[in-house]
Amino acid sequence: MTQSTPDQPLRLASSTVSRRTVLRNTALGAGALAIPGVLAACGKDSGSSGNSKTVTFGSNYSDAIPKAGIAAVMDAYQKSSGVTVKINTQEHNSFQENISRYLKGNPDDVFSWFAGNRMKFFAAQGLAADISDVWSGLTGFSDALKKAATGDDGKQYFVPIYNYPWAVFYRPSVWQAKGWQPPKTLDELTALCKTIKGAGMDAFAFADKDGWPAMGTFDQINMRTNGYDFHISLMAGKESWTDPKVKQVFETWASLLPYHQQGANGRIWQDAANSVYQKKSAMMVCGSGQIAQSFQGADAADLDFFPYPMINTEFGQDAVEAPIDGFMISKKAKNLEAAKALIKFLASPDAENAYQSKDNGNIPTNSGASTSNFSAFQKKCQAYIAGAKQISQFMDRDTRPDFASQVMIPSLQSFINKPSDIDSLLKNIDAQAKSIFATDN
C-alpha cells in the first residue's frame, strides 16, 4: 500500500462528484444511479473467501492525509496479526455515491462509513453484519458512542474510530495582527463581520457546491436559537418548518450572508478552507477534520476555533456538532471471521493511535487512545467535545437521507441564491417534510 505524506501544506483539489448525488443515491437504495465501474469491482476476486489470512477493506479515505492515516492503521494490523489487508480505496464522494449498489453487489469484507442514521439506513436494509458479539468485548467507549453504533433493532453494526467538532475556525496570526477577538454573541459577531468587510476581507469562507456544507451552518444557528431538543425533533420530522422558530433561524442567517463569500453554490469546501489558509477569508464554519487538511506542518500551529456565538441565552453554546466516523462489516462479507477480527482491532486504542500519527484534525473516540502527542489544537477539540451538554451528528446524519438529499440540499442552495423569500421556502420544505415523514410519525 502507498502512503502519502506531503512535505508542503496540502492544497486540496476539486471533486467532480457532488454530495447531492451521494445523498440522493443513498436514499434511493436499489434504484440508485451509479458511475459504471466505480466500487462494483472492489470485492471481486479478492481471494479472501476461505482464507483467514486475507481480509478486504473498502475505503473512502481518498484524500492524502486520511489515506495515510488508514494506511498506517492497516500496516499496524498486518504486523500484529499476520493477516493481509487488501485496501480498495475509492474517491470519497464516489464511494458514497455508489454505496447501495456496492453493498448489494460484491462488497469488501469491511468498509468505512458513518454512525447514526447513515449506519441505521443500511442496517435496516439487511446490508450490514451484526457485530454485537464484537461489541461485547470492547472497552473504552461511552454509552453514547455505543448508542451511535446501534441499529433500530438494538444490535450493533458499527465501530467508531474518531469524531471531530464543527465550530468557527480561523488563523490566530491574522486576527492578532488586526486586533480582532472571537465573538461570544450574535451582536458581537455581526459587528466583527462589518469590521472584517471594511478591512477588505470576506468574514466567512463559504462553499456549498456539494450541498452539505451549508447544512452545518443551519445546524449551528438552529441549535443556538432553538436548542438541541428542538433541532433533533425538527430533523426527525416532528416539528413544522413554518414554525416562527425556524423562520428566525433563516432570518438570522440572511442577515449574515452579506459577509460570506459570494457564489457559494459554485465552490467546494476545499476552496473555501484554502481561502482561510491564504488569508483571503477571516473564518469558516466547518469541521476540524476538514479544515485541518489545509493547515499542515508549521501552519498547523496557526489554526484555532471558537464555538458558534450565542444567540439565545436559554441555550447558550451548550450543543456541539461532532460527527462520528468508523467502520462496518458488509452482510456479504466473504470472510466474516477475519472481518470481525479486523473490526475489533479498528476499535482499539492501537488503531486510533496509528491513525492519529498521520491526521491531526480528528479526535480518537476510544478513551484508551494516547493523547501524549496531541497538539494544542487537538487538545482543544477534544475538550470542546467532552464539555458539550448535547452532541449532534450533522443534518444529513440526524435526519432521513431522502429528506436531506431531496429537500434540504436544493432548499439551502435556493436560500443562498435568494435569501429574501423565506416564507415560500419554508412552506415548500414543510410540505415535502410532511410527505416524507408521514410513515415515521
Protein backbone atom coordinates (compact mmCIF):
# COMPACT_ATOMS: atom_id res chain seq x y z
CA MET A 1 0.00 0.00 0.00
CA THR A 2 1.13 3.53 -0.70
CA GLN A 3 1.29 6.18 1.97
CA SER A 4 1.20 9.83 1.04
CA THR A 5 2.56 12.35 3.48
CA PRO A 6 3.08 15.70 1.74
CA ASP A 7 6.02 17.83 2.76
CA GLN A 8 4.20 21.02 1.82
CA PRO A 9 0.81 22.32 3.02
CA LEU A 10 -1.87 20.31 1.26
CA ARG A 11 -3.86 22.21 -1.33
CA LEU A 12 -6.93 20.10 -1.96
CA ALA A 13 -8.21 19.50 -5.46
CA SER A 14 -11.83 19.79 -6.53
CA SER A 15 -14.01 16.70 -6.60
CA THR A 16 -16.04 16.01 -9.71
CA VAL A 17 -18.79 14.13 -7.85
CA SER A 18 -21.31 16.09 -5.83
CA ARG A 19 -22.56 15.05 -2.41
CA ARG A 20 -26.04 15.96 -3.66
CA THR A 21 -25.79 12.79 -5.76
CA VAL A 22 -24.19 10.90 -2.88
CA LEU A 23 -27.13 11.56 -0.59
CA ARG A 24 -29.73 11.11 -3.32
CA ASN A 25 -28.41 7.69 -4.21
CA THR A 26 -28.11 6.65 -0.59
CA ALA A 27 -31.80 7.46 -0.24
CA LEU A 28 -32.82 5.69 -3.43
CA GLY A 29 -31.17 2.43 -2.39
CA ALA A 30 -31.54 -0.29 -5.02
CA GLY A 31 -32.64 2.20 -7.63
CA ALA A 32 -29.61 4.39 -7.10
CA LEU A 33 -27.76 5.74 -10.07
CA ALA A 34 -24.12 4.78 -10.14
CA ILE A 35 -20.97 5.56 -12.04
CA PRO A 36 -20.18 2.40 -14.03
CA GLY A 37 -17.16 0.52 -12.75
CA VAL A 38 -16.73 2.51 -9.54
CA LEU A 39 -16.73 0.28 -6.46
CA ALA A 40 -18.54 -2.53 -8.27
CA ALA A 41 -15.32 -4.49 -8.58
CA CYS A 42 -13.94 -3.69 -5.13
CA GLY A 43 -14.76 -7.09 -3.69
CA LYS A 44 -14.38 -9.04 -6.93
CA ASP A 45 -11.76 -11.79 -6.99
CA SER A 46 -10.42 -10.59 -3.67
CA GLY A 47 -9.16 -14.03 -2.79
CA SER A 48 -10.42 -13.65 0.77
CA SER A 49 -13.03 -16.41 0.63
CA GLY A 50 -11.92 -19.23 2.86
CA ASN A 51 -8.61 -17.56 3.63
CA SER A 52 -8.36 -16.38 7.23
CA LYS A 53 -5.06 -14.67 6.40
CA THR A 54 -6.63 -12.17 3.99
CA VAL A 55 -9.38 -9.61 4.51
CA THR A 56 -10.57 -6.87 2.16
CA PHE A 57 -11.35 -3.28 3.13
CA GLY A 58 -13.39 -0.81 1.08
CA SER A 59 -12.14 2.68 1.87
CA ASN A 60 -13.40 6.22 1.25
CA TYR A 61 -10.20 7.65 2.78
CA SER A 62 -9.01 9.02 -0.56
CA ASP A 63 -7.57 12.44 0.34
CA ALA A 64 -3.83 12.32 1.01
CA ILE A 65 -3.87 12.85 4.78
CA PRO A 66 -6.72 10.49 5.79
CA LYS A 67 -5.41 7.96 3.26
CA ALA A 68 -2.05 7.99 5.01
CA GLY A 69 -3.86 7.59 8.34
CA ILE A 70 -5.79 4.50 7.26
CA ALA A 71 -2.65 3.04 5.66
CA ALA A 72 -0.86 3.38 9.00
CA VAL A 73 -3.75 1.59 10.73
CA MET A 74 -3.75 -1.32 8.31
CA ASP A 75 0.05 -1.58 8.43
CA ALA A 76 -0.15 -1.88 12.21
CA TYR A 77 -2.80 -4.59 11.98
CA GLN A 78 -0.88 -6.60 9.40
CA LYS A 79 2.28 -6.51 11.53
CA SER A 80 0.47 -7.56 14.72
CA SER A 81 -1.81 -10.21 13.21
CA GLY A 82 -0.01 -11.61 10.19
CA VAL A 83 -3.22 -11.05 8.21
CA THR A 84 -3.05 -9.32 4.83
CA VAL A 85 -5.48 -6.41 4.36
CA LYS A 86 -6.30 -5.61 0.76
CA ILE A 87 -7.35 -1.95 0.68
CA ASN A 88 -9.66 -0.84 -2.12
CA THR A 89 -9.62 2.96 -1.99
CA GLN A 90 -12.14 4.99 -3.97
CA GLU A 91 -12.60 8.75 -4.23
CA HIS A 92 -14.55 9.83 -1.15
CA ASN A 93 -17.71 11.08 -2.82
CA SER A 94 -17.69 8.33 -5.46
CA PHE A 95 -17.56 5.72 -2.70
CA GLN A 96 -20.62 7.19 -1.06
CA GLU A 97 -22.43 7.69 -4.34
CA ASN A 98 -22.19 4.00 -5.14
CA ILE A 99 -22.59 2.59 -1.63
CA SER A 100 -26.02 1.00 -2.17
CA ARG A 101 -25.02 -0.72 -5.39
CA TYR A 102 -21.73 -1.74 -3.78
CA LEU A 103 -23.28 -3.37 -0.72
CA LYS A 104 -25.88 -5.19 -2.81
CA GLY A 105 -23.26 -6.40 -5.29
CA ASN A 106 -19.87 -7.83 -4.41
CA PRO A 107 -18.62 -5.75 -1.46
CA ASP A 108 -15.43 -5.93 0.54
CA ASP A 109 -15.45 -7.61 3.93
CA VAL A 110 -15.11 -4.36 5.92
CA PHE A 111 -15.89 -0.84 4.77
CA SER A 112 -15.62 2.71 6.07
CA TRP A 113 -18.84 4.53 6.95
CA PHE A 114 -20.62 6.83 9.43
CA ALA A 115 -22.57 6.50 12.68
CA GLY A 116 -26.17 7.41 13.37
CA ASN A 117 -28.88 7.35 10.73
CA ARG A 118 -26.36 6.81 7.94
CA MET A 119 -25.46 3.49 9.61
CA LYS A 120 -29.04 2.60 10.56
CA PHE A 121 -30.22 3.01 6.97
CA PHE A 122 -28.10 0.09 5.73
CA ALA A 123 -28.55 -1.99 8.87
CA ALA A 124 -32.33 -1.80 8.38
CA GLN A 125 -31.93 -2.93 4.78
CA GLY A 126 -30.04 -6.03 5.89
CA LEU A 127 -26.85 -4.93 4.15
CA ALA A 128 -24.62 -4.81 7.25
CA ALA A 129 -23.45 -7.62 9.52
CA ASP A 130 -24.45 -7.69 13.18
CA ILE A 131 -21.30 -7.16 15.28
CA SER A 132 -22.91 -7.21 18.73
CA ASP A 133 -20.58 -10.07 19.68
CA VAL A 134 -17.59 -7.87 18.88
CA TRP A 135 -19.01 -5.04 20.98
CA SER A 136 -19.40 -7.37 23.97
CA GLY A 137 -15.62 -7.43 24.25
CA LEU A 138 -14.86 -3.76 23.56
CA THR A 139 -13.71 -1.26 26.16
CA GLY A 140 -13.02 2.46 26.15
CA PHE A 141 -16.28 3.62 24.58
CA SER A 142 -19.01 5.66 26.26
CA ASP A 143 -22.65 4.63 26.30
CA ALA A 144 -23.32 7.48 23.88
CA LEU A 145 -20.84 6.06 21.37
CA LYS A 146 -22.38 2.59 21.68
CA LYS A 147 -25.80 4.10 21.08
CA ALA A 148 -24.49 5.78 17.93
CA ALA A 149 -23.34 2.33 16.74
CA THR A 150 -26.67 0.65 17.43
CA GLY A 151 -29.40 -0.03 14.89
CA ASP A 152 -33.13 0.32 15.44
CA ASP A 153 -33.24 -3.39 16.34
CA GLY A 154 -30.91 -2.86 19.31
CA LYS A 155 -27.94 -4.61 17.69
CA GLN A 156 -24.55 -3.05 16.95
CA TYR A 157 -23.38 -2.62 13.34
CA PHE A 158 -20.59 -0.05 13.57
CA VAL A 159 -17.36 0.71 15.43
CA PRO A 160 -16.08 4.31 15.71
CA ILE A 161 -12.52 5.49 15.23
CA TYR A 162 -12.81 9.26 15.61
CA ASN A 163 -15.09 12.25 15.74
CA TYR A 164 -14.47 15.93 15.15
CA PRO A 165 -16.15 19.18 16.18
CA TRP A 166 -17.84 21.73 13.96
CA ALA A 167 -17.12 25.29 15.03
CA VAL A 168 -15.79 28.57 13.62
CA PHE A 169 -12.16 28.19 12.50
CA TYR A 170 -9.66 30.99 11.89
CA ARG A 171 -5.95 31.96 11.73
CA PRO A 172 -4.90 33.49 15.09
CA SER A 173 -1.96 35.31 13.50
CA VAL A 174 -4.31 37.22 11.19
CA TRP A 175 -6.73 38.10 13.96
CA GLN A 176 -3.97 39.22 16.32
CA ALA A 177 -2.49 41.46 13.64
CA LYS A 178 -5.91 43.03 13.03
CA GLY A 179 -6.85 43.27 16.69
CA TRP A 180 -9.92 41.04 16.28
CA GLN A 181 -11.33 38.94 19.13
CA PRO A 182 -13.54 35.83 18.86
CA PRO A 183 -17.15 36.96 19.31
CA LYS A 184 -19.29 35.42 22.03
CA THR A 185 -22.71 36.71 20.96
CA LEU A 186 -24.57 37.29 17.71
CA ASP A 187 -24.30 41.06 18.13
CA GLU A 188 -20.55 40.79 18.57
CA LEU A 189 -20.34 38.52 15.52
CA THR A 190 -22.30 40.96 13.37
CA ALA A 191 -20.15 43.89 14.47
CA LEU A 192 -16.99 41.90 13.76
CA CYS A 193 -18.25 40.93 10.30
CA LYS A 194 -18.75 44.59 9.46
CA THR A 195 -15.21 45.37 10.62
CA ILE A 196 -13.75 42.50 8.59
CA LYS A 197 -15.66 43.55 5.48
CA GLY A 198 -14.35 47.06 5.98
CA ALA A 199 -10.82 45.63 6.00
CA GLY A 200 -11.42 44.17 2.54
CA MET A 201 -11.85 40.52 3.51
CA ASP A 202 -14.74 38.08 3.42
CA ALA A 203 -15.72 37.41 7.01
CA PHE A 204 -16.81 33.84 6.25
CA ALA A 205 -15.30 31.47 3.73
CA PHE A 206 -18.33 29.70 2.28
CA ALA A 207 -18.96 26.85 -0.17
CA ASP A 208 -21.99 24.73 -0.96
CA LYS A 209 -21.48 23.23 -4.42
CA ASP A 210 -21.73 19.74 -2.94
CA GLY A 211 -24.82 20.65 -0.95
CA TRP A 212 -23.78 19.52 2.53
CA PRO A 213 -21.50 22.30 3.91
CA ALA A 214 -24.40 24.76 4.38
CA MET A 215 -26.16 22.17 6.49
CA GLY A 216 -23.53 22.75 9.15
CA THR A 217 -24.28 26.47 9.32
CA PHE A 218 -28.00 25.78 9.60
CA ASP A 219 -27.37 23.31 12.43
CA GLN A 220 -25.25 25.81 14.34
CA ILE A 221 -27.75 28.66 14.08
CA ASN A 222 -30.75 26.44 14.82
CA MET A 223 -29.21 24.91 17.96
CA ARG A 224 -28.06 28.32 19.18
CA THR A 225 -31.51 29.81 18.52
CA ASN A 226 -33.88 26.98 19.47
CA GLY A 227 -31.77 24.46 21.36
CA TYR A 228 -30.66 20.90 20.74
CA ASP A 229 -34.00 19.22 21.52
CA PHE A 230 -35.94 21.33 19.01
CA HIS A 231 -33.23 20.79 16.39
CA ILE A 232 -33.29 17.00 16.74
CA SER A 233 -37.09 16.99 16.77
CA LEU A 234 -37.12 19.09 13.60
CA MET A 235 -34.68 16.68 11.95
CA ALA A 236 -37.00 13.79 12.90
CA GLY A 237 -39.97 15.43 11.17
CA LYS A 238 -41.75 16.19 14.43
CA GLU A 239 -41.77 19.98 14.10
CA SER A 240 -43.19 22.27 11.45
CA TRP A 241 -40.78 24.09 9.16
CA THR A 242 -43.21 27.01 9.10
CA ASP A 243 -42.83 27.45 12.85
CA PRO A 244 -41.66 31.02 13.65
CA LYS A 245 -38.69 29.45 15.42
CA VAL A 246 -37.40 28.09 12.11
CA LYS A 247 -38.09 31.35 10.31
CA GLN A 248 -35.93 33.13 12.89
CA VAL A 249 -33.04 30.81 12.00
CA PHE A 250 -33.21 31.77 8.34
CA GLU A 251 -33.68 35.46 9.13
CA THR A 252 -30.55 35.40 11.30
CA TRP A 253 -28.64 33.57 8.59
CA ALA A 254 -29.87 36.00 5.93
CA SER A 255 -28.54 38.92 7.97
CA LEU A 256 -25.09 37.31 7.94
CA LEU A 257 -24.98 36.18 4.30
CA PRO A 258 -23.65 39.53 3.00
CA TYR A 259 -20.47 38.80 4.98
CA HIS A 260 -20.00 35.35 3.39
CA GLN A 261 -18.06 34.59 0.22
CA GLN A 262 -20.37 35.15 -2.73
CA GLY A 263 -21.01 32.40 -5.28
CA ALA A 264 -21.00 29.66 -2.64
CA ASN A 265 -23.06 27.27 -4.77
CA GLY A 266 -20.24 27.14 -7.30
CA ARG A 267 -17.44 26.46 -4.79
CA ILE A 268 -16.36 23.23 -3.00
CA TRP A 269 -15.38 23.18 0.68
CA GLN A 270 -11.69 22.68 -0.08
CA ASP A 271 -11.60 26.00 -1.93
CA ALA A 272 -13.29 27.76 0.99
CA ALA A 273 -10.88 26.20 3.51
CA ASN A 274 -7.95 27.25 1.37
CA SER A 275 -9.20 30.85 1.34
CA VAL A 276 -8.79 30.90 5.13
CA TYR A 277 -5.32 29.40 4.72
CA GLN A 278 -4.49 32.03 2.10
CA LYS A 279 -5.73 34.82 4.42
CA LYS A 280 -8.46 35.86 1.97
CA SER A 281 -11.28 34.95 4.37
CA ALA A 282 -11.27 35.52 8.11
CA MET A 283 -13.10 32.41 9.33
CA MET A 284 -15.11 29.35 8.29
CA VAL A 285 -17.89 27.26 9.80
CA CYS A 286 -16.82 23.67 9.20
CA GLY A 287 -15.42 20.55 10.84
CA SER A 288 -11.92 20.34 12.26
CA GLY A 289 -11.35 17.21 10.20
CA GLN A 290 -11.87 19.19 7.02
CA ILE A 291 -10.05 22.47 7.54
CA ALA A 292 -7.04 20.90 9.29
CA GLN A 293 -6.13 19.25 5.98
CA SER A 294 -5.21 22.72 4.68
CA PHE A 295 -3.03 23.50 7.72
CA GLN A 296 -0.09 21.12 7.78
CA GLY A 297 3.47 21.40 9.01
CA ALA A 298 4.31 24.77 10.56
CA ASP A 299 0.91 26.13 9.53
CA ALA A 300 -0.87 23.68 11.85
CA ALA A 301 0.01 25.91 14.81
CA ASP A 302 -1.83 28.81 13.17
CA LEU A 303 -5.30 27.25 13.28
CA ASP A 304 -7.78 27.82 16.09
CA PHE A 305 -11.54 27.93 16.61
CA PHE A 306 -14.31 29.24 18.78
CA PRO A 307 -17.85 27.95 19.38
CA TYR A 308 -20.54 29.44 17.19
CA PRO A 309 -21.65 32.56 19.10
CA MET A 310 -24.61 32.58 21.45
CA ILE A 311 -27.94 33.68 20.00
CA ASN A 312 -30.45 32.69 22.71
CA THR A 313 -29.27 32.89 26.33
CA GLU A 314 -31.59 29.98 27.22
CA PHE A 315 -29.41 27.61 25.20
CA GLY A 316 -26.09 29.42 25.20
CA GLN A 317 -23.39 27.37 23.49
CA ASP A 318 -24.39 24.05 25.05
CA ALA A 319 -24.70 21.96 21.89
CA VAL A 320 -21.71 20.77 19.84
CA GLU A 321 -21.88 19.15 16.41
CA ALA A 322 -19.40 16.24 16.39
CA PRO A 323 -19.91 13.63 13.63
CA ILE A 324 -18.57 10.10 14.23
CA ASP A 325 -16.73 8.13 11.54
CA GLY A 326 -15.82 4.47 11.63
CA PHE A 327 -16.34 1.04 10.08
CA MET A 328 -18.89 -1.66 9.32
CA ILE A 329 -18.89 -5.23 8.01
CA SER A 330 -20.88 -5.99 4.89
CA LYS A 331 -23.58 -8.65 5.15
CA LYS A 332 -21.98 -10.38 2.16
CA ALA A 333 -18.51 -10.50 3.72
CA LYS A 334 -16.64 -13.47 2.25
CA ASN A 335 -14.59 -13.90 5.38
CA LEU A 336 -16.73 -12.94 8.34
CA GLU A 337 -14.32 -14.31 10.96
CA ALA A 338 -11.40 -12.32 9.59
CA ALA A 339 -13.62 -9.26 9.15
CA LYS A 340 -14.65 -9.35 12.81
CA ALA A 341 -11.03 -9.70 13.88
CA LEU A 342 -10.11 -6.64 11.82
CA ILE A 343 -13.01 -4.52 13.02
CA LYS A 344 -12.19 -5.40 16.64
CA PHE A 345 -8.69 -4.05 16.03
CA LEU A 346 -10.10 -0.94 14.35
CA ALA A 347 -11.94 -0.17 17.59
CA SER A 348 -8.76 -0.45 19.67
CA PRO A 349 -6.51 2.29 21.06
CA ASP A 350 -3.66 0.89 18.92
CA ALA A 351 -5.63 1.54 15.73
CA GLU A 352 -6.63 5.01 16.83
CA ASN A 353 -3.05 5.85 17.78
CA ALA A 354 -1.83 4.72 14.37
CA TYR A 355 -4.40 6.89 12.62
CA GLN A 356 -3.63 9.93 14.75
CA SER A 357 0.04 9.67 13.81
CA LYS A 358 -0.93 10.91 10.33
CA ASP A 359 -4.07 13.03 10.84
CA ASN A 360 -4.15 15.92 13.33
CA GLY A 361 -7.69 17.07 12.59
CA ASN A 362 -9.74 14.35 14.28
CA ILE A 363 -10.16 13.10 17.83
CA PRO A 364 -9.95 9.39 18.78
CA THR A 365 -13.14 8.03 20.32
CA ASN A 366 -11.61 5.30 22.48
CA SER A 367 -10.68 6.65 25.90
CA GLY A 368 -7.62 4.39 25.92
CA ALA A 369 -6.03 6.11 22.93
CA SER A 370 -2.93 8.16 23.64
CA THR A 371 -3.10 11.93 23.74
CA SER A 372 0.57 12.44 24.57
CA ASN A 373 1.38 13.75 21.10
CA PHE A 374 -1.72 15.88 20.74
CA SER A 375 -1.19 19.42 19.52
CA ALA A 376 -2.80 22.30 21.36
CA PHE A 377 -5.40 22.34 18.58
CA GLN A 378 -6.30 18.67 19.11
CA LYS A 379 -6.48 19.11 22.87
CA LYS A 380 -8.86 21.99 22.43
CA CYS A 381 -11.03 19.99 20.01
CA GLN A 382 -11.16 17.10 22.47
CA ALA A 383 -12.04 19.33 25.41
CA TYR A 384 -14.72 21.09 23.37
CA ILE A 385 -16.47 17.80 22.57
CA ALA A 386 -16.03 16.49 26.12
CA GLY A 387 -17.57 19.65 27.58
CA ALA A 388 -20.69 19.59 25.41
CA LYS A 389 -24.06 19.24 27.13
CA GLN A 390 -25.53 17.84 23.92
CA ILE A 391 -23.88 16.42 20.78
CA SER A 392 -25.47 16.37 17.35
CA GLN A 393 -24.15 14.37 14.40
CA PHE A 394 -24.88 16.59 11.37
CA MET A 395 -28.04 17.31 9.40
CA ASP A 396 -27.57 14.52 6.84
CA ARG A 397 -26.81 12.08 9.69
CA ASP A 398 -29.53 13.27 12.10
CA THR A 399 -32.36 13.12 9.57
CA ARG A 400 -33.56 10.72 6.87
CA PRO A 401 -31.22 10.54 3.86
CA ASP A 402 -34.05 11.18 1.40
CA PHE A 403 -35.12 14.33 3.23
CA ALA A 404 -31.53 15.57 3.39
CA SER A 405 -30.84 14.94 -0.28
CA GLN A 406 -34.14 15.60 -2.00
CA VAL A 407 -35.34 18.51 0.11
CA MET A 408 -32.64 20.21 2.18
CA ILE A 409 -29.79 20.32 -0.32
CA PRO A 410 -31.80 22.16 -3.02
CA SER A 411 -33.64 24.24 -0.41
CA LEU A 412 -30.47 25.56 1.24
CA GLN A 413 -28.89 26.26 -2.13
CA SER A 414 -32.05 28.12 -3.14
CA PHE A 415 -31.87 30.13 0.09
CA ILE A 416 -28.25 31.06 -0.58
CA ASN A 417 -29.23 32.34 -4.03
CA LYS A 418 -32.36 34.14 -2.83
CA PRO A 419 -32.41 34.75 0.94
CA SER A 420 -35.29 37.22 0.75
CA ASP A 421 -38.05 34.65 0.06
CA ILE A 422 -38.00 32.76 3.36
CA ASP A 423 -41.77 32.23 3.76
CA SER A 424 -42.16 30.45 0.42
CA LEU A 425 -39.04 28.42 1.06
CA LEU A 426 -40.28 27.16 4.42
CA LYS A 427 -43.74 26.34 3.11
CA ASN A 428 -42.16 24.22 0.40
CA ILE A 429 -39.84 22.43 2.86
CA ASP A 430 -42.70 21.82 5.27
CA ALA A 431 -44.96 20.28 2.61
CA GLN A 432 -42.24 17.90 1.50
CA ALA A 433 -41.28 17.03 5.08
CA LYS A 434 -44.86 16.07 5.92
CA SER A 435 -44.97 13.75 2.92
CA ILE A 436 -41.60 12.11 3.58
CA PHE A 437 -42.04 11.68 7.33
CA ALA A 438 -45.70 10.61 7.14
CA THR A 439 -44.84 6.95 7.73
CA ASP A 440 -42.49 7.74 10.63
CA ASN A 441 -44.72 9.83 12.87
